[in-house]
Amino acid sequence: MKEKDLIFFQPLWRRIAVTLFCLAWSLYEWLSGAQLWGMITAGLAIYCYWCLFHTFQPVKPADPSSR
């Protein structure tokens, strides 16, 4: 991920929201009968989980007292 992406996804609620949105979109596609788009969005949800939870390395703020 790029540095600007790491900064944007630091709050846990954003990572959860994006992943749940992808899961809900996938569920909608599957229930409406669009299996191809359901598979694509399910893959996107899995990718979100992998990048935003499994391998995500939070950026720790610099300690101002160490300067």
C-alpha atoms as a PDB file:
ATOM      1  CA  MET A   1       0.000   0.000   0.000  1.00  0.00           C
ATOM      2  CA  LYS A   2       1.080   3.547  -0.584  1.00  0.00           C
ATOM      3  CA  GLU A   3       1.848   5.860   2.295  1.00  0.00           C
ATOM      4  CA  LYS A   4      -1.276   7.960   1.739  1.00  0.00           C
ATOM      5  CA  ASP A   5      -3.361   4.769   1.898  1.00  0.00           C
ATOM      6  CA  LEU A   6      -1.713   3.764   5.147  1.00  0.00           C
ATOM      7  CA  ILE A   7      -2.555   7.133   6.666  1.00  0.00           C
ATOM      8  CA  PHE A   8      -6.174   6.982   5.484  1.00  0.00           C
ATOM      9  CA  PHE A   9      -6.746   3.481   6.862  1.00  0.00           C
ATOM     10  CA  GLN A  10      -5.176   4.053  10.285  1.00  0.00           C
ATOM     11  CA  PRO A  11      -8.526   4.294  12.108  1.00  0.00           C
ATOM     12  CA  LEU A  12      -9.971   0.834  12.640  1.00  0.00           C
ATOM     13  CA  TRP A  13     -13.506   1.964  11.818  1.00  0.00           C
ATOM     14  CA  ARG A  14     -12.501   2.880   8.254  1.00  0.00           C
ATOM     15  CA  ARG A  15     -10.990  -0.548   7.638  1.00  0.00           C
ATOM     16  CA  ILE A  16     -14.093  -2.243   9.043  1.00  0.00           C
ATOM     17  CA  ALA A  17     -16.432   0.009   7.038  1.00  0.00           C
ATOM     18  CA  VAL A  18     -14.684  -0.647   3.720  1.00  0.00           C
ATOM     19  CA  THR A  19     -14.571  -4.398   4.286  1.00  0.00           C
ATOM     20  CA  LEU A  20     -18.231  -4.578   5.368  1.00  0.00           C
ATOM     21  CA  PHE A  21     -19.257  -2.479   2.381  1.00  0.00           C
ATOM     22  CA  CYS A  22     -17.566  -4.938   0.035  1.00  0.00           C
ATOM     23  CA  LEU A  23     -19.206  -7.879   1.818  1.00  0.00           C
ATOM     24  CA  ALA A  24     -22.639  -6.241   1.619  1.00  0.00           C
ATOM     25  CA  TRP A  25     -22.127  -5.477  -2.066  1.00  0.00           C
ATOM     26  CA  SER A  26     -21.157  -9.083  -2.685  1.00  0.00           C
ATOM     27  CA  LEU A  27     -24.223 -10.339  -0.825  1.00  0.00           C
ATOM     28  CA  TYR A  28     -26.435  -8.020  -2.861  1.00  0.00           C
ATOM     29  CA  GLU A  29     -24.952  -9.281  -6.131  1.00  0.00           C
ATOM     30  CA  TRP A  30     -25.347 -12.932  -5.132  1.00  0.00           C
ATOM     31  CA  LEU A  31     -28.952 -12.432  -4.014  1.00  0.00           C
ATOM     32  CA  SER A  32     -29.859 -10.555  -7.197  1.00  0.00           C
ATOM     33  CA  GLY A  33     -28.564 -13.459  -9.292  1.00  0.00           C
ATOM     34  CA  ALA A  34     -25.393 -11.880 -10.662  1.00  0.00           C
ATOM     35  CA  GLN A  35     -22.920 -14.652  -9.856  1.00  0.00           C
ATOM     36  CA  LEU A  36     -20.026 -13.112 -11.786  1.00  0.00           C
ATOM     37  CA  TRP A  37     -20.250  -9.786  -9.970  1.00  0.00           C
ATOM     38  CA  GLY A  38     -20.832 -11.659  -6.731  1.00  0.00           C
ATOM     39  CA  MET A  39     -17.561 -13.516  -7.221  1.00  0.00           C
ATOM     40  CA  ILE A  40     -15.714 -10.329  -8.173  1.00  0.00           C
ATOM     41  CA  THR A  41     -16.958  -8.399  -5.151  1.00  0.00           C
ATOM     42  CA  ALA A  42     -16.359 -11.386  -2.841  1.00  0.00           C
ATOM     43  CA  GLY A  43     -12.772 -11.414  -4.090  1.00  0.00           C
ATOM     44  CA  LEU A  44     -12.579  -7.707  -3.407  1.00  0.00           C
ATOM     45  CA  ALA A  45     -13.839  -8.273   0.147  1.00  0.00           C
ATOM     46  CA  ILE A  46     -11.245 -10.998   0.689  1.00  0.00           C
ATOM     47  CA  TYR A  47      -8.547  -8.686  -0.644  1.00  0.00           C
ATOM     48  CA  CYS A  48      -9.736  -5.939   1.749  1.00  0.00           C
ATOM     49  CA  TYR A  49      -9.524  -8.346   4.666  1.00  0.00           C
ATOM     50  CA  TRP A  50      -6.047  -9.459   3.626  1.00  0.00           C
ATOM     51  CA  CYS A  51      -4.650  -5.948   3.153  1.00  0.00           C
ATOM     52  CA  LEU A  52      -6.530  -4.118   5.909  1.00  0.00           C
ATOM     53  CA  PHE A  53      -6.467  -6.686   8.708  1.00  0.00           C
ATOM     54  CA  HIS A  54      -4.173  -9.632   8.087  1.00  0.00           C
ATOM     55  CA  THR A  55      -1.069  -7.837   6.794  1.00  0.00           C
ATOM     56  CA  PHE A  56      -1.805  -4.247   7.903  1.00  0.00           C
ATOM     57  CA  GLN A  57       1.048  -2.609   9.802  1.00  0.00           C
ATOM     58  CA  PRO A  58      -0.213   0.439  11.731  1.00  0.00           C
ATOM     59  CA  VAL A  59       1.993   3.514  11.529  1.00  0.00           C
ATOM     60  CA  LYS A  60       3.088   4.525  14.990  1.00  0.00           C
ATOM     61  CA  PRO A  61       3.286   8.276  15.565  1.00  0.00           C
ATOM     62  CA  ALA A  62       6.752   9.639  16.172  1.00  0.00           C
ATOM     63  CA  ASP A  63       7.572  10.256  19.821  1.00  0.00           C
ATOM     64  CA  PRO A  64       8.109  14.026  20.202  1.00  0.00           C
ATOM     65  CA  SER A  65      10.252  13.533  23.326  1.00  0.00           C
ATOM     66  CA  SER A  66      12.873  11.551  21.371  1.00  0.00           C
ATOM     67  CA  ARG A  67      14.041  14.582  19.400  1.00  0.00           C
END
